[in-house]
């Protein structure tokens, strides 16, 4: 006779807290992909801010970037004409004096852990995150076309919040992209929450804070990313060059 369906068990897959000496100085970059105008309006960003606070409790150094606050021009598809035209520095960064994507590039290249936060928009990540993805092709193409791996021994995690059931779809897309860039994905790599079918977003934050699954996943993601980043810091797994 099958066991009764009683839901997911808490504490079964807890990731142990990392040693604070081991995690001290690990650099964590949080990127918010929400289009909300003001800080604290976005639930995905608020959860990201909370995650960064916890990283600091372990002695990590944290940085927060809001894509909404930066002038980032669209990818103009130079790769489609010729892969050799998709260069780093990005052609759009060189073309437009007001383009601030280099701020993002510098932050990503300097970090050990990247946490990318996005709302779900029609079963996918936000338009701002998609722009980030497309502009990061200048980094990925340095390896696939020129043989220079710019992202090495870095760890990535996701925060995904929404009112439609698209978490696995969004995570699959973004982790595919992050893996192509060269990021390593830890044992627990996503903290997420999906709202009720009534789509009453005014209650979301209280529900997110009280949701034991979301809070457990957030803790496990933080622990997992720190543990893997610390391991990669002491034992790098690749040379970064090809050919």
C-alpha atoms as a PDB file:
ATOM      1  CA  UNK A   1       0.000   0.000   0.000  1.00  0.00           C
ATOM      2  CA  UNK A   2       1.532   3.350  -0.946  1.00  0.00           C
ATOM      3  CA  UNK A   3       2.485   5.847   1.715  1.00  0.00           C
ATOM      4  CA  UNK A   4       0.024   8.704   2.228  1.00  0.00           C
ATOM      5  CA  UNK A   5       0.711  11.893   0.339  1.00  0.00           C
ATOM      6  CA  UNK A   6       1.520  14.358   3.097  1.00  0.00           C
ATOM      7  CA  UNK A   7       3.798  16.764   1.239  1.00  0.00           C
ATOM      8  CA  UNK A   8       7.442  17.569   1.349  1.00  0.00           C
ATOM      9  CA  UNK A   9       9.290  16.907   4.605  1.00  0.00           C
ATOM     10  CA  UNK A  10      11.138  19.718   6.326  1.00  0.00           C
ATOM     11  CA  UNK A  11      14.698  19.187   7.446  1.00  0.00           C
ATOM     12  CA  UNK A  12      15.291  16.129   5.265  1.00  0.00           C
ATOM     13  CA  UNK A  13      17.751  17.859   2.959  1.00  0.00           C
ATOM     14  CA  UNK A  14      19.151  20.562   5.219  1.00  0.00           C
ATOM     15  CA  UNK A  15      22.520  21.870   4.039  1.00  0.00           C
ATOM     16  CA  UNK A  16      24.844  22.439   7.008  1.00  0.00           C
ATOM     17  CA  UNK A  17      25.850  26.000   7.776  1.00  0.00           C
ATOM     18  CA  UNK A  18      29.317  26.833   6.456  1.00  0.00           C
ATOM     19  CA  UNK A  19      32.156  27.667   8.791  1.00  0.00           C
ATOM     20  CA  UNK A  20      32.392  31.437   9.137  1.00  0.00           C
ATOM     21  CA  UNK A  21      36.157  31.447   8.771  1.00  0.00           C
ATOM     22  CA  UNK A  22      35.818  29.464   5.556  1.00  0.00           C
ATOM     23  CA  UNK A  23      33.262  31.889   4.129  1.00  0.00           C
ATOM     24  CA  UNK A  24      34.874  35.126   5.282  1.00  0.00           C
ATOM     25  CA  UNK A  25      35.670  37.421   2.354  1.00  0.00           C
ATOM     26  CA  UNK A  26      33.647  35.505  -0.237  1.00  0.00           C
ATOM     27  CA  UNK A  27      32.141  38.087  -2.583  1.00  0.00           C
ATOM     28  CA  UNK A  28      28.414  37.858  -3.317  1.00  0.00           C
ATOM     29  CA  UNK A  29      26.676  39.839  -6.051  1.00  0.00           C
ATOM     30  CA  UNK A  30      22.901  40.154  -6.007  1.00  0.00           C
ATOM     31  CA  UNK A  31      21.274  41.297  -9.246  1.00  0.00           C
ATOM     32  CA  UNK A  32      17.632  42.336  -9.131  1.00  0.00           C
ATOM     33  CA  UNK A  33      15.748  41.879 -12.387  1.00  0.00           C
ATOM     34  CA  UNK A  34      12.531  43.488 -11.197  1.00  0.00           C
ATOM     35  CA  UNK A  35      11.067  46.419 -13.115  1.00  0.00           C
ATOM     36  CA  UNK A  36       9.445  47.936 -10.031  1.00  0.00           C
ATOM     37  CA  UNK A  37      10.334  51.618  -9.762  1.00  0.00           C
ATOM     38  CA  UNK A  38      11.314  51.847  -6.106  1.00  0.00           C
ATOM     39  CA  UNK A  39      13.338  49.547  -3.810  1.00  0.00           C
ATOM     40  CA  UNK A  40      11.210  47.406  -1.475  1.00  0.00           C
ATOM     41  CA  UNK A  41       8.285  47.342  -3.946  1.00  0.00           C
ATOM     42  CA  UNK A  42       9.498  44.077  -5.487  1.00  0.00           C
ATOM     43  CA  UNK A  43       9.100  40.834  -3.533  1.00  0.00           C
ATOM     44  CA  UNK A  44      11.894  39.102  -5.446  1.00  0.00           C
ATOM     45  CA  UNK A  45      14.192  42.017  -4.643  1.00  0.00           C
ATOM     46  CA  UNK A  46      13.175  42.061  -0.981  1.00  0.00           C
ATOM     47  CA  UNK A  47      14.005  38.370  -0.703  1.00  0.00           C
ATOM     48  CA  UNK A  48      17.307  39.052  -2.445  1.00  0.00           C
ATOM     49  CA  UNK A  49      18.109  41.812   0.065  1.00  0.00           C
ATOM     50  CA  UNK A  50      17.325  39.406   2.900  1.00  0.00           C
ATOM     51  CA  UNK A  51      19.627  36.812   1.349  1.00  0.00           C
ATOM     52  CA  UNK A  52      22.468  39.343   1.119  1.00  0.00           C
ATOM     53  CA  UNK A  53      21.959  40.239   4.788  1.00  0.00           C
ATOM     54  CA  UNK A  54      22.411  36.570   5.698  1.00  0.00           C
ATOM     55  CA  UNK A  55      25.480  36.249   3.523  1.00  0.00           C
ATOM     56  CA  UNK A  56      27.015  39.135   5.484  1.00  0.00           C
ATOM     57  CA  UNK A  57      26.321  37.256   8.720  1.00  0.00           C
ATOM     58  CA  UNK A  58      28.772  34.621   7.455  1.00  0.00           C
ATOM     59  CA  UNK A  59      31.411  37.260   6.752  1.00  0.00           C
ATOM     60  CA  UNK A  60      30.755  37.537   3.015  1.00  0.00           C
ATOM     61  CA  UNK A  61      31.132  40.820   1.156  1.00  0.00           C
ATOM     62  CA  UNK A  62      27.938  41.756  -0.705  1.00  0.00           C
ATOM     63  CA  UNK A  63      26.920  44.037  -3.555  1.00  0.00           C
ATOM     64  CA  UNK A  64      23.418  44.747  -4.878  1.00  0.00           C
ATOM     65  CA  UNK A  65      22.722  45.898  -8.432  1.00  0.00           C
ATOM     66  CA  UNK A  66      19.256  46.866  -9.657  1.00  0.00           C
ATOM     67  CA  UNK A  67      19.097  46.498 -13.436  1.00  0.00           C
ATOM     68  CA  UNK A  68      16.225  48.991 -13.397  1.00  0.00           C
ATOM     69  CA  UNK A  69      18.593  51.707 -12.145  1.00  0.00           C
ATOM     70  CA  UNK A  70      21.079  51.286 -15.008  1.00  0.00           C
ATOM     71  CA  UNK A  71      21.002  52.420 -18.616  1.00  0.00           C
ATOM     72  CA  UNK A  72      21.497  49.197 -20.547  1.00  0.00           C
ATOM     73  CA  UNK A  73      20.994  49.255 -24.296  1.00  0.00           C
ATOM     74  CA  UNK A  74      19.590  46.283 -26.157  1.00  0.00           C
ATOM     75  CA  UNK A  75      21.875  43.660 -27.606  1.00  0.00           C
ATOM     76  CA  UNK A  76      22.168  44.564 -31.288  1.00  0.00           C
ATOM     77  CA  UNK A  77      22.909  41.037 -32.476  1.00  0.00           C
ATOM     78  CA  UNK A  78      26.437  41.510 -33.788  1.00  0.00           C
ATOM     79  CA  UNK A  79      26.986  37.770 -33.272  1.00  0.00           C
ATOM     80  CA  UNK A  80      24.314  37.033 -35.885  1.00  0.00           C
ATOM     81  CA  UNK A  81      26.360  38.809 -38.550  1.00  0.00           C
ATOM     82  CA  UNK A  82      29.650  37.268 -37.530  1.00  0.00           C
ATOM     83  CA  UNK A  83      30.590  35.626 -34.192  1.00  0.00           C
ATOM     84  CA  UNK A  84      33.887  37.527 -34.285  1.00  0.00           C
ATOM     85  CA  UNK A  85      31.902  40.777 -34.014  1.00  0.00           C
ATOM     86  CA  UNK A  86      30.561  39.836 -30.564  1.00  0.00           C
ATOM     87  CA  UNK A  87      33.505  41.100 -28.543  1.00  0.00           C
ATOM     88  CA  UNK A  88      34.435  42.122 -25.030  1.00  0.00           C
ATOM     89  CA  UNK A  89      34.264  45.027 -24.341  1.00  0.00           C
ATOM     90  CA  UNK A  90      30.766  44.823 -25.808  1.00  0.00           C
ATOM     91  CA  UNK A  91      30.235  46.792 -28.999  1.00  0.00           C
ATOM     92  CA  UNK A  92      27.150  48.464 -27.496  1.00  0.00           C
ATOM     93  CA  UNK A  93      29.188  49.639 -24.512  1.00  0.00           C
ATOM     94  CA  UNK A  94      31.645  51.228 -26.927  1.00  0.00           C
ATOM     95  CA  UNK A  95      28.936  52.640 -29.197  1.00  0.00           C
ATOM     96  CA  UNK A  96      26.723  54.361 -26.610  1.00  0.00           C
ATOM     97  CA  UNK A  97      28.261  56.842 -24.172  1.00  0.00           C
ATOM     98  CA  UNK A  98      25.421  56.384 -21.652  1.00  0.00           C
ATOM     99  CA  UNK A  99      25.470  52.563 -21.646  1.00  0.00           C
ATOM    100  CA  UNK A 100      26.172  51.198 -18.146  1.00  0.00           C
ATOM    101  CA  UNK A 101      26.420  47.484 -18.850  1.00  0.00           C
ATOM    102  CA  UNK A 102      30.131  47.651 -18.049  1.00  0.00           C
ATOM    103  CA  UNK A 103      29.114  48.224 -14.414  1.00  0.00           C
ATOM    104  CA  UNK A 104      27.392  44.835 -14.541  1.00  0.00           C
ATOM    105  CA  UNK A 105      30.284  43.143 -16.333  1.00  0.00           C
ATOM    106  CA  UNK A 106      32.772  44.429 -13.762  1.00  0.00           C
ATOM    107  CA  UNK A 107      30.604  43.296 -10.853  1.00  0.00           C
ATOM    108  CA  UNK A 108      30.023  39.812 -12.299  1.00  0.00           C
ATOM    109  CA  UNK A 109      33.705  39.291 -13.085  1.00  0.00           C
ATOM    110  CA  UNK A 110      34.697  40.403  -9.579  1.00  0.00           C
ATOM    111  CA  UNK A 111      32.272  38.201  -7.640  1.00  0.00           C
ATOM    112  CA  UNK A 112      32.479  34.645  -6.318  1.00  0.00           C
ATOM    113  CA  UNK A 113      28.723  34.070  -6.022  1.00  0.00           C
ATOM    114  CA  UNK A 114      25.999  35.515  -8.249  1.00  0.00           C
ATOM    115  CA  UNK A 115      22.395  35.493  -7.043  1.00  0.00           C
ATOM    116  CA  UNK A 116      19.999  36.544  -9.788  1.00  0.00           C
ATOM    117  CA  UNK A 117      16.484  37.494  -8.654  1.00  0.00           C
ATOM    118  CA  UNK A 118      13.535  37.710 -11.025  1.00  0.00           C
ATOM    119  CA  UNK A 119       9.765  37.819 -10.954  1.00  0.00           C
ATOM    120  CA  UNK A 120       7.877  35.454 -13.238  1.00  0.00           C
ATOM    121  CA  UNK A 121       6.494  37.271 -16.268  1.00  0.00           C
ATOM    122  CA  UNK A 122       4.128  35.132 -18.358  1.00  0.00           C
ATOM    123  CA  UNK A 123       5.908  31.903 -17.445  1.00  0.00           C
ATOM    124  CA  UNK A 124       9.341  33.385 -17.997  1.00  0.00           C
ATOM    125  CA  UNK A 125      11.917  35.672 -16.393  1.00  0.00           C
ATOM    126  CA  UNK A 126      11.589  39.436 -16.629  1.00  0.00           C
ATOM    127  CA  UNK A 127      12.454  41.539 -19.679  1.00  0.00           C
ATOM    128  CA  UNK A 128      15.295  43.159 -17.729  1.00  0.00           C
ATOM    129  CA  UNK A 129      16.813  39.748 -16.996  1.00  0.00           C
ATOM    130  CA  UNK A 130      16.478  38.820 -20.671  1.00  0.00           C
ATOM    131  CA  UNK A 131      18.366  41.991 -21.623  1.00  0.00           C
ATOM    132  CA  UNK A 132      21.063  41.035 -19.090  1.00  0.00           C
ATOM    133  CA  UNK A 133      21.241  37.539 -20.595  1.00  0.00           C
ATOM    134  CA  UNK A 134      21.628  38.833 -24.144  1.00  0.00           C
ATOM    135  CA  UNK A 135      24.263  41.412 -23.240  1.00  0.00           C
ATOM    136  CA  UNK A 136      26.240  38.774 -21.310  1.00  0.00           C
ATOM    137  CA  UNK A 137      26.771  36.991 -24.620  1.00  0.00           C
ATOM    138  CA  UNK A 138      29.846  39.206 -25.007  1.00  0.00           C
ATOM    139  CA  UNK A 139      31.327  37.329 -22.025  1.00  0.00           C
ATOM    140  CA  UNK A 140      30.219  33.847 -23.118  1.00  0.00           C
ATOM    141  CA  UNK A 141      31.450  34.362 -26.673  1.00  0.00           C
ATOM    142  CA  UNK A 142      34.950  35.088 -25.429  1.00  0.00           C
ATOM    143  CA  UNK A 143      35.196  31.373 -24.662  1.00  0.00           C
ATOM    144  CA  UNK A 144      33.053  29.790 -27.379  1.00  0.00           C
ATOM    145  CA  UNK A 145      34.673  31.795 -30.192  1.00  0.00           C
ATOM    146  CA  UNK A 146      37.978  33.115 -28.874  1.00  0.00           C
ATOM    147  CA  UNK A 147      38.887  30.402 -26.335  1.00  0.00           C
ATOM    148  CA  UNK A 148      39.163  32.729 -23.331  1.00  0.00           C
ATOM    149  CA  UNK A 149      37.095  31.602 -20.329  1.00  0.00           C
ATOM    150  CA  UNK A 150      36.349  34.835 -18.440  1.00  0.00           C
ATOM    151  CA  UNK A 151      34.092  33.281 -15.790  1.00  0.00           C
ATOM    152  CA  UNK A 152      35.904  30.622 -13.780  1.00  0.00           C
ATOM    153  CA  UNK A 153      35.181  28.959 -10.451  1.00  0.00           C
ATOM    154  CA  UNK A 154      32.112  31.081  -9.744  1.00  0.00           C
ATOM    155  CA  UNK A 155      28.808  29.910  -8.272  1.00  0.00           C
ATOM    156  CA  UNK A 156      25.265  30.944  -9.218  1.00  0.00           C
ATOM    157  CA  UNK A 157      21.856  30.776  -7.549  1.00  0.00           C
ATOM    158  CA  UNK A 158      18.369  32.074  -8.319  1.00  0.00           C
ATOM    159  CA  UNK A 159      15.464  33.712  -6.524  1.00  0.00           C
ATOM    160  CA  UNK A 160      12.197  33.343  -8.457  1.00  0.00           C
ATOM    161  CA  UNK A 161       8.872  34.818  -7.330  1.00  0.00           C
ATOM    162  CA  UNK A 162       5.544  34.849  -9.130  1.00  0.00           C
ATOM    163  CA  UNK A 163       1.853  34.087  -9.360  1.00  0.00           C
ATOM    164  CA  UNK A 164       2.004  31.527 -12.125  1.00  0.00           C
ATOM    165  CA  UNK A 165       3.532  28.059 -12.084  1.00  0.00           C
ATOM    166  CA  UNK A 166       6.677  28.807 -14.067  1.00  0.00           C
ATOM    167  CA  UNK A 167       9.504  28.289 -11.568  1.00  0.00           C
ATOM    168  CA  UNK A 168      11.042  25.223 -13.196  1.00  0.00           C
ATOM    169  CA  UNK A 169      10.757  26.761 -16.649  1.00  0.00           C
ATOM    170  CA  UNK A 170      12.464  29.989 -15.544  1.00  0.00           C
ATOM    171  CA  UNK A 171      15.143  28.123 -13.579  1.00  0.00           C
ATOM    172  CA  UNK A 172      15.843  25.793 -16.510  1.00  0.00           C
ATOM    173  CA  UNK A 173      16.331  28.687 -18.912  1.00  0.00           C
ATOM    174  CA  UNK A 174      18.537  30.704 -16.594  1.00  0.00           C
ATOM    175  CA  UNK A 175      20.688  27.826 -15.363  1.00  0.00           C
ATOM    176  CA  UNK A 176      21.297  26.781 -18.965  1.00  0.00           C
ATOM    177  CA  UNK A 177      22.500  30.328 -19.658  1.00  0.00           C
ATOM    178  CA  UNK A 178      24.603  30.504 -16.477  1.00  0.00           C
ATOM    179  CA  UNK A 179      26.229  27.135 -17.200  1.00  0.00           C
ATOM    180  CA  UNK A 180      27.215  28.283 -20.687  1.00  0.00           C
ATOM    181  CA  UNK A 181      28.829  31.324 -19.096  1.00  0.00           C
ATOM    182  CA  UNK A 182      30.904  29.040 -16.861  1.00  0.00           C
ATOM    183  CA  UNK A 183      29.107  29.239 -13.505  1.00  0.00           C
ATOM    184  CA  UNK A 184      28.910  26.224 -11.201  1.00  0.00           C
ATOM    185  CA  UNK A 185      25.495  25.257  -9.824  1.00  0.00           C
ATOM    186  CA  UNK A 186      25.362  24.088  -6.164  1.00  0.00           C
ATOM    187  CA  UNK A 187      23.278  21.339  -4.568  1.00  0.00           C
ATOM    188  CA  UNK A 188      20.450  23.722  -3.651  1.00  0.00           C
ATOM    189  CA  UNK A 189      20.397  26.612  -6.075  1.00  0.00           C
ATOM    190  CA  UNK A 190      16.866  28.101  -6.105  1.00  0.00           C
ATOM    191  CA  UNK A 191      14.706  29.864  -3.543  1.00  0.00           C
ATOM    192  CA  UNK A 192      11.207  30.382  -4.886  1.00  0.00           C
ATOM    193  CA  UNK A 193       7.571  31.103  -4.125  1.00  0.00           C
ATOM    194  CA  UNK A 194       4.375  30.865  -6.186  1.00  0.00           C
ATOM    195  CA  UNK A 195       1.280  32.774  -5.108  1.00  0.00           C
ATOM    196  CA  UNK A 196      -2.361  31.800  -4.912  1.00  0.00           C
ATOM    197  CA  UNK A 197      -4.611  31.529  -7.949  1.00  0.00           C
ATOM    198  CA  UNK A 198      -6.594  34.547  -6.757  1.00  0.00           C
ATOM    199  CA  UNK A 199      -3.523  36.642  -7.721  1.00  0.00           C
ATOM    200  CA  UNK A 200      -4.004  38.985  -4.781  1.00  0.00           C
ATOM    201  CA  UNK A 201      -0.467  40.345  -4.742  1.00  0.00           C
ATOM    202  CA  UNK A 202      -1.154  42.643  -1.779  1.00  0.00           C
ATOM    203  CA  UNK A 203      -0.685  39.678   0.586  1.00  0.00           C
ATOM    204  CA  UNK A 204       2.399  38.223  -1.086  1.00  0.00           C
ATOM    205  CA  UNK A 205       5.166  39.436   1.206  1.00  0.00           C
ATOM    206  CA  UNK A 206       3.521  38.184   4.377  1.00  0.00           C
ATOM    207  CA  UNK A 207       2.920  34.812   2.723  1.00  0.00           C
ATOM    208  CA  UNK A 208       6.513  34.625   1.463  1.00  0.00           C
ATOM    209  CA  UNK A 209       7.896  35.318   4.931  1.00  0.00           C
ATOM    210  CA  UNK A 210       5.665  32.723   6.546  1.00  0.00           C
ATOM    211  CA  UNK A 211       6.205  30.035   3.891  1.00  0.00           C
ATOM    212  CA  UNK A 212       8.417  27.398   5.499  1.00  0.00           C
ATOM    213  CA  UNK A 213       9.425  25.886   2.149  1.00  0.00           C
ATOM    214  CA  UNK A 214      10.633  29.219   0.760  1.00  0.00           C
ATOM    215  CA  UNK A 215      12.563  30.061   3.916  1.00  0.00           C
ATOM    216  CA  UNK A 216      14.152  26.610   4.074  1.00  0.00           C
ATOM    217  CA  UNK A 217      15.177  26.818   0.418  1.00  0.00           C
ATOM    218  CA  UNK A 218      16.621  30.305   0.951  1.00  0.00           C
ATOM    219  CA  UNK A 219      18.748  29.071   3.846  1.00  0.00           C
ATOM    220  CA  UNK A 220      19.884  25.993   1.930  1.00  0.00           C
ATOM    221  CA  UNK A 221      20.722  28.064  -1.153  1.00  0.00           C
ATOM    222  CA  UNK A 222      22.869  30.419   0.926  1.00  0.00           C
ATOM    223  CA  UNK A 223      24.667  27.527   2.636  1.00  0.00           C
ATOM    224  CA  UNK A 224      25.135  25.610  -0.644  1.00  0.00           C
ATOM    225  CA  UNK A 225      26.529  28.549  -2.589  1.00  0.00           C
ATOM    226  CA  UNK A 226      28.976  29.482   0.168  1.00  0.00           C
ATOM    227  CA  UNK A 227      30.201  25.900   0.585  1.00  0.00           C
ATOM    228  CA  UNK A 228      30.783  25.455  -3.144  1.00  0.00           C
ATOM    229  CA  UNK A 229      32.405  28.888  -3.535  1.00  0.00           C
ATOM    230  CA  UNK A 230      34.758  28.142  -0.648  1.00  0.00           C
ATOM    231  CA  UNK A 231      35.683  24.800  -2.205  1.00  0.00           C
ATOM    232  CA  UNK A 232      36.349  26.394  -5.592  1.00  0.00           C
ATOM    233  CA  UNK A 233      38.436  29.103  -3.965  1.00  0.00           C
ATOM    234  CA  UNK A 234      40.781  26.541  -2.426  1.00  0.00           C
ATOM    235  CA  UNK A 235      40.664  24.011  -5.284  1.00  0.00           C
ATOM    236  CA  UNK A 236      39.943  25.621  -8.683  1.00  0.00           C
ATOM    237  CA  UNK A 237      38.619  23.152 -11.229  1.00  0.00           C
ATOM    238  CA  UNK A 238      39.669  24.695 -14.563  1.00  0.00           C
ATOM    239  CA  UNK A 239      42.427  26.744 -16.128  1.00  0.00           C
ATOM    240  CA  UNK A 240      40.169  29.096 -18.064  1.00  0.00           C
ATOM    241  CA  UNK A 241      41.981  28.689 -21.362  1.00  0.00           C
ATOM    242  CA  UNK A 242      41.343  26.449 -24.347  1.00  0.00           C
ATOM    243  CA  UNK A 243      43.264  25.443 -27.362  1.00  0.00           C
END
